[in-house]
């Protein structure tokens, strides 16, 4: 059931959304009035991080899948050769890669 007491006003939004709660948005639909609509946000599941010389991780970007991440490593590595980590939000797994100045990517174990 939708709890109207937990809603708050939304300002500066260029859409028909007028109120929101943690899970639902109330949408003004001309003759129907306000109706609750559930919205799911999609966040790309993989982070690409670079390992700096001190061993700290520097976040670079998000990507949708491992093939896209490896493709990005080629481009990133050509500009910034070094060690990289691809982190999966879904599984929590980390994969380690080394990229040389020519963009060659090799997977390793850390």
N, C-alpha and C. Protein backbone atom coordinates (compact mmCIF):
# COMPACT_ATOMS: atom_id res chain seq x y z
N UNK A 1 0.84 -1.17 0.00
CA UNK A 1 0.00 0.00 0.00
C UNK A 1 0.88 1.23 0.00
N UNK A 2 0.51 2.24 -0.67
CA UNK A 2 1.28 3.47 -0.76
C UNK A 2 0.97 4.37 0.44
N UNK A 3 2.02 4.80 1.13
CA UNK A 3 1.86 5.64 2.31
C UNK A 3 2.07 7.10 1.92
N UNK A 4 1.00 7.88 1.88
CA UNK A 4 1.10 9.29 1.47
C UNK A 4 1.77 10.15 2.54
N UNK A 5 1.85 9.67 3.76
CA UNK A 5 2.46 10.48 4.82
C UNK A 5 3.97 10.59 4.66
N UNK A 6 4.59 9.68 3.89
CA UNK A 6 6.05 9.71 3.72
C UNK A 6 6.47 10.47 2.47
N UNK A 7 5.55 11.12 1.80
CA UNK A 7 5.90 11.85 0.59
C UNK A 7 6.46 13.22 0.92
N UNK A 8 7.23 13.75 -0.02
CA UNK A 8 7.75 15.10 0.12
C UNK A 8 7.66 15.79 -1.23
N UNK A 9 7.58 17.10 -1.21
CA UNK A 9 7.48 17.86 -2.45
C UNK A 9 8.78 17.78 -3.24
N UNK A 10 8.69 17.66 -4.54
CA UNK A 10 9.85 17.67 -5.43
C UNK A 10 9.83 19.00 -6.16
N UNK A 11 10.96 19.70 -6.14
CA UNK A 11 11.01 20.99 -6.80
C UNK A 11 12.04 20.96 -7.92
N UNK A 12 11.92 21.89 -8.84
CA UNK A 12 12.85 22.03 -9.96
C UNK A 12 12.96 20.77 -10.81
N UNK A 13 11.86 20.10 -11.03
CA UNK A 13 11.86 18.90 -11.86
C UNK A 13 11.03 19.19 -13.11
N UNK A 14 11.65 19.02 -14.28
CA UNK A 14 10.95 19.30 -15.53
C UNK A 14 10.23 18.05 -16.01
N UNK A 15 9.29 17.56 -15.22
CA UNK A 15 8.51 16.39 -15.57
C UNK A 15 7.19 16.46 -14.81
N UNK A 16 6.27 15.53 -15.09
CA UNK A 16 5.00 15.57 -14.38
C UNK A 16 5.07 15.04 -12.96
N UNK A 17 6.25 14.67 -12.45
CA UNK A 17 6.36 14.15 -11.09
C UNK A 17 6.12 15.28 -10.11
N UNK A 18 5.23 15.05 -9.13
CA UNK A 18 4.93 16.10 -8.17
C UNK A 18 5.32 15.74 -6.75
N UNK A 19 5.33 14.49 -6.38
CA UNK A 19 5.73 14.06 -5.05
C UNK A 19 6.48 12.75 -5.15
N UNK A 20 7.33 12.47 -4.14
CA UNK A 20 8.05 11.20 -4.17
C UNK A 20 8.14 10.60 -2.78
N UNK A 21 8.37 9.30 -2.73
CA UNK A 21 8.68 8.60 -1.49
C UNK A 21 9.90 7.74 -1.78
N UNK A 22 10.28 6.88 -0.86
CA UNK A 22 11.47 6.06 -1.05
C UNK A 22 11.36 5.15 -2.27
N UNK A 23 10.17 4.66 -2.56
CA UNK A 23 10.02 3.69 -3.64
C UNK A 23 9.13 4.15 -4.78
N UNK A 24 8.26 5.06 -4.54
CA UNK A 24 7.27 5.42 -5.54
C UNK A 24 7.31 6.91 -5.85
N UNK A 25 6.84 7.26 -7.02
CA UNK A 25 6.62 8.64 -7.40
C UNK A 25 5.14 8.80 -7.68
N UNK A 26 4.58 9.92 -7.29
CA UNK A 26 3.20 10.23 -7.66
C UNK A 26 3.25 11.04 -8.94
N UNK A 27 2.59 10.56 -9.97
CA UNK A 27 2.62 11.20 -11.28
C UNK A 27 1.25 11.78 -11.57
N UNK A 28 1.23 13.04 -11.99
CA UNK A 28 -0.02 13.71 -12.32
C UNK A 28 -0.38 13.36 -13.76
N UNK A 29 -1.46 12.63 -13.94
CA UNK A 29 -1.90 12.22 -15.27
C UNK A 29 -3.26 12.88 -15.51
N UNK A 30 -3.23 13.98 -16.28
CA UNK A 30 -4.39 14.85 -16.55
C UNK A 30 -5.68 14.48 -15.82
N UNK A 31 -6.51 13.63 -16.38
CA UNK A 31 -7.83 13.36 -15.82
C UNK A 31 -7.82 12.31 -14.72
N UNK A 32 -6.74 11.55 -14.60
CA UNK A 32 -6.70 10.49 -13.61
C UNK A 32 -6.24 10.98 -12.23
N UNK A 33 -5.65 12.15 -12.17
CA UNK A 33 -5.16 12.65 -10.89
C UNK A 33 -3.79 12.04 -10.58
N UNK A 34 -3.49 11.88 -9.30
CA UNK A 34 -2.20 11.35 -8.89
C UNK A 34 -2.26 9.83 -8.78
N UNK A 35 -1.30 9.15 -9.41
CA UNK A 35 -1.21 7.70 -9.32
C UNK A 35 0.22 7.31 -8.96
N UNK A 36 0.41 6.29 -8.11
CA UNK A 36 1.78 5.87 -7.76
C UNK A 36 2.39 5.06 -8.90
N UNK A 37 3.65 5.34 -9.22
CA UNK A 37 4.37 4.64 -10.27
C UNK A 37 5.71 4.20 -9.71
N UNK A 38 6.03 2.92 -9.80
CA UNK A 38 7.32 2.43 -9.31
C UNK A 38 8.37 2.63 -10.39
N UNK A 39 9.53 3.17 -10.00
CA UNK A 39 10.62 3.41 -10.94
C UNK A 39 11.86 2.66 -10.47
N UNK A 40 12.48 1.90 -11.38
CA UNK A 40 13.70 1.17 -11.08
C UNK A 40 14.86 1.85 -11.78
N UNK A 41 15.91 2.18 -11.03
CA UNK A 41 17.09 2.81 -11.61
C UNK A 41 18.09 1.73 -12.01
N UNK A 42 18.69 1.90 -13.19
CA UNK A 42 19.72 0.97 -13.65
C UNK A 42 21.09 1.60 -13.46
N UNK A 43 21.94 0.95 -12.70
CA UNK A 43 23.31 1.39 -12.52
C UNK A 43 24.20 0.34 -13.18
N UNK A 44 25.11 0.77 -14.07
CA UNK A 44 25.99 -0.23 -14.69
C UNK A 44 26.68 -1.05 -13.61
N UNK A 45 26.76 -2.37 -13.80
CA UNK A 45 27.21 -3.26 -12.74
C UNK A 45 28.71 -3.33 -12.49
N UNK A 46 29.55 -2.74 -13.35
CA UNK A 46 31.00 -2.87 -13.18
C UNK A 46 31.68 -1.53 -13.01
N UNK A 47 32.60 -1.45 -12.05
CA UNK A 47 33.46 -0.29 -11.86
C UNK A 47 34.82 -0.59 -12.47
N UNK A 48 35.44 0.41 -13.09
CA UNK A 48 36.83 0.30 -13.54
C UNK A 48 37.64 1.21 -12.62
N UNK A 49 38.66 0.62 -11.99
CA UNK A 49 39.53 1.35 -11.08
C UNK A 49 40.97 1.18 -11.51
N UNK A 50 41.79 2.20 -11.27
CA UNK A 50 43.22 2.11 -11.56
C UNK A 50 43.97 2.01 -10.25
N UNK A 51 45.01 1.18 -10.23
CA UNK A 51 45.86 1.05 -9.05
C UNK A 51 46.98 2.07 -9.20
N UNK A 52 47.05 3.05 -8.28
CA UNK A 52 48.11 4.05 -8.39
C UNK A 52 49.43 3.49 -7.84
N UNK A 53 50.54 4.18 -8.04
CA UNK A 53 51.85 3.66 -7.61
C UNK A 53 51.94 3.31 -6.11
N UNK A 54 51.14 3.98 -5.28
CA UNK A 54 51.17 3.67 -3.84
C UNK A 54 50.28 2.48 -3.48
N UNK A 55 49.54 1.94 -4.48
CA UNK A 55 48.67 0.80 -4.25
C UNK A 55 47.23 1.15 -3.96
N UNK A 56 46.93 2.45 -3.90
CA UNK A 56 45.55 2.88 -3.69
C UNK A 56 44.76 2.76 -4.99
N UNK A 57 43.44 2.57 -4.84
CA UNK A 57 42.57 2.47 -6.01
C UNK A 57 41.97 3.83 -6.33
N UNK A 58 41.95 4.16 -7.62
CA UNK A 58 41.34 5.40 -8.11
C UNK A 58 40.20 5.01 -9.04
N UNK A 59 38.97 5.40 -8.67
CA UNK A 59 37.81 5.08 -9.49
C UNK A 59 37.87 5.88 -10.79
N UNK A 60 37.59 5.19 -11.92
CA UNK A 60 37.62 5.86 -13.22
C UNK A 60 36.25 5.98 -13.85
N UNK A 61 35.53 4.85 -13.95
CA UNK A 61 34.23 4.90 -14.62
C UNK A 61 33.45 3.63 -14.40
N UNK A 62 32.18 3.63 -14.85
CA UNK A 62 31.29 2.48 -14.82
C UNK A 62 31.17 1.90 -16.21
N UNK A 63 30.86 0.61 -16.29
CA UNK A 63 30.62 -0.02 -17.58
C UNK A 63 29.59 -1.13 -17.42
N UNK A 64 28.98 -1.53 -18.54
CA UNK A 64 27.85 -2.45 -18.48
C UNK A 64 28.23 -3.92 -18.39
N UNK A 65 29.36 -4.34 -18.99
CA UNK A 65 29.74 -5.75 -18.96
C UNK A 65 31.26 -5.89 -19.10
N UNK A 66 31.75 -7.11 -18.94
CA UNK A 66 33.20 -7.33 -18.92
C UNK A 66 33.84 -7.05 -20.28
N UNK A 67 33.14 -7.32 -21.37
CA UNK A 67 33.71 -7.04 -22.69
C UNK A 67 33.89 -5.54 -22.90
N UNK A 68 32.89 -4.76 -22.49
CA UNK A 68 33.00 -3.30 -22.59
C UNK A 68 34.10 -2.78 -21.67
N UNK A 69 34.25 -3.39 -20.51
CA UNK A 69 35.31 -2.98 -19.57
C UNK A 69 36.69 -3.25 -20.15
N UNK A 70 36.88 -4.43 -20.75
CA UNK A 70 38.18 -4.74 -21.37
C UNK A 70 38.48 -3.81 -22.53
N UNK A 71 37.47 -3.46 -23.30
CA UNK A 71 37.65 -2.53 -24.40
C UNK A 71 38.08 -1.16 -23.87
N UNK A 72 37.46 -0.71 -22.79
CA UNK A 72 37.84 0.56 -22.17
C UNK A 72 39.25 0.51 -21.60
N UNK A 73 39.65 -0.66 -21.07
CA UNK A 73 41.01 -0.79 -20.52
C UNK A 73 42.06 -0.56 -21.61
N UNK A 74 41.79 -1.01 -22.82
CA UNK A 74 42.73 -0.79 -23.92
C UNK A 74 42.94 0.70 -24.16
N UNK A 75 41.85 1.46 -24.16
CA UNK A 75 41.92 2.90 -24.40
C UNK A 75 42.57 3.61 -23.21
N UNK A 76 42.10 3.28 -22.01
CA UNK A 76 42.64 3.92 -20.80
C UNK A 76 44.13 3.59 -20.62
N UNK A 77 44.48 2.32 -20.85
CA UNK A 77 45.85 1.87 -20.66
C UNK A 77 46.82 2.49 -21.65
N UNK A 78 46.37 2.78 -22.86
CA UNK A 78 47.24 3.42 -23.84
C UNK A 78 47.64 4.82 -23.35
N UNK A 79 46.73 5.49 -22.64
CA UNK A 79 47.01 6.82 -22.10
C UNK A 79 47.67 6.75 -20.73
N UNK A 80 47.27 5.75 -19.94
CA UNK A 80 47.79 5.59 -18.57
C UNK A 80 48.12 4.12 -18.32
N UNK A 81 49.28 3.62 -18.82
CA UNK A 81 49.62 2.22 -18.61
C UNK A 81 49.71 1.90 -17.12
N UNK A 82 49.35 0.69 -16.77
CA UNK A 82 49.46 0.28 -15.37
C UNK A 82 48.52 -0.83 -15.02
N UNK A 83 48.24 -0.94 -13.71
CA UNK A 83 47.37 -1.99 -13.19
C UNK A 83 45.96 -1.43 -12.99
N UNK A 84 44.98 -2.27 -13.31
CA UNK A 84 43.57 -1.89 -13.21
C UNK A 84 42.79 -3.01 -12.52
N UNK A 85 41.66 -2.62 -11.94
CA UNK A 85 40.75 -3.57 -11.30
C UNK A 85 39.36 -3.34 -11.88
N UNK A 86 38.67 -4.43 -12.20
CA UNK A 86 37.26 -4.36 -12.58
C UNK A 86 36.49 -5.01 -11.45
N UNK A 87 35.60 -4.23 -10.85
CA UNK A 87 34.83 -4.67 -9.69
C UNK A 87 33.37 -4.86 -10.07
N UNK A 88 32.80 -6.02 -9.72
CA UNK A 88 31.40 -6.32 -10.01
C UNK A 88 30.53 -5.99 -8.80
N UNK A 89 29.53 -5.12 -9.02
CA UNK A 89 28.59 -4.79 -7.95
C UNK A 89 27.68 -5.97 -7.63
N UNK A 90 27.38 -6.79 -8.61
CA UNK A 90 26.47 -7.92 -8.42
C UNK A 90 27.08 -9.02 -7.58
N UNK A 91 28.32 -9.43 -7.94
CA UNK A 91 28.94 -10.58 -7.26
C UNK A 91 29.95 -10.18 -6.19
N UNK A 92 30.47 -8.95 -6.26
CA UNK A 92 31.52 -8.54 -5.34
C UNK A 92 32.91 -8.99 -5.77
N UNK A 93 32.98 -9.66 -6.94
CA UNK A 93 34.27 -10.16 -7.44
C UNK A 93 35.12 -9.04 -8.01
N UNK A 94 36.44 -9.22 -7.93
CA UNK A 94 37.39 -8.29 -8.53
C UNK A 94 38.26 -9.06 -9.51
N UNK A 95 38.49 -8.47 -10.67
CA UNK A 95 39.41 -9.03 -11.67
C UNK A 95 40.51 -8.01 -11.90
N UNK A 96 41.75 -8.50 -11.94
CA UNK A 96 42.92 -7.63 -12.03
C UNK A 96 43.53 -7.72 -13.42
N UNK A 97 43.93 -6.56 -13.94
CA UNK A 97 44.48 -6.47 -15.29
C UNK A 97 45.70 -5.56 -15.28
N UNK A 98 46.62 -5.84 -16.21
CA UNK A 98 47.75 -4.96 -16.47
C UNK A 98 47.64 -4.53 -17.93
N UNK A 99 47.82 -3.23 -18.17
CA UNK A 99 47.72 -2.70 -19.53
C UNK A 99 49.00 -1.94 -19.81
N UNK A 100 49.63 -2.28 -20.97
CA UNK A 100 50.86 -1.57 -21.33
C UNK A 100 50.55 -0.37 -22.24
N UNK A 101 51.57 0.38 -22.58
CA UNK A 101 51.39 1.62 -23.35
C UNK A 101 50.80 1.39 -24.74
N UNK A 102 50.95 0.16 -25.27
CA UNK A 102 50.38 -0.12 -26.59
C UNK A 102 48.90 -0.51 -26.49
N UNK A 103 48.38 -0.64 -25.25
CA UNK A 103 46.98 -1.01 -25.06
C UNK A 103 46.75 -2.49 -24.92
N UNK A 104 47.84 -3.28 -24.84
CA UNK A 104 47.68 -4.72 -24.65
C UNK A 104 47.24 -5.01 -23.21
N UNK A 105 46.16 -5.78 -23.07
CA UNK A 105 45.56 -6.08 -21.77
C UNK A 105 45.87 -7.51 -21.40
N UNK A 106 46.41 -7.72 -20.18
CA UNK A 106 46.64 -9.08 -19.69
C UNK A 106 46.02 -9.20 -18.31
N UNK A 107 45.29 -10.30 -18.13
CA UNK A 107 44.62 -10.53 -16.84
C UNK A 107 45.59 -11.22 -15.91
N UNK A 108 45.58 -10.82 -14.65
CA UNK A 108 46.47 -11.42 -13.67
C UNK A 108 45.75 -11.68 -12.37
N UNK A 109 46.50 -12.18 -11.40
CA UNK A 109 45.97 -12.45 -10.08
C UNK A 109 46.65 -11.51 -9.11
N UNK A 110 45.88 -10.88 -8.23
CA UNK A 110 46.45 -9.96 -7.25
C UNK A 110 46.43 -10.60 -5.90
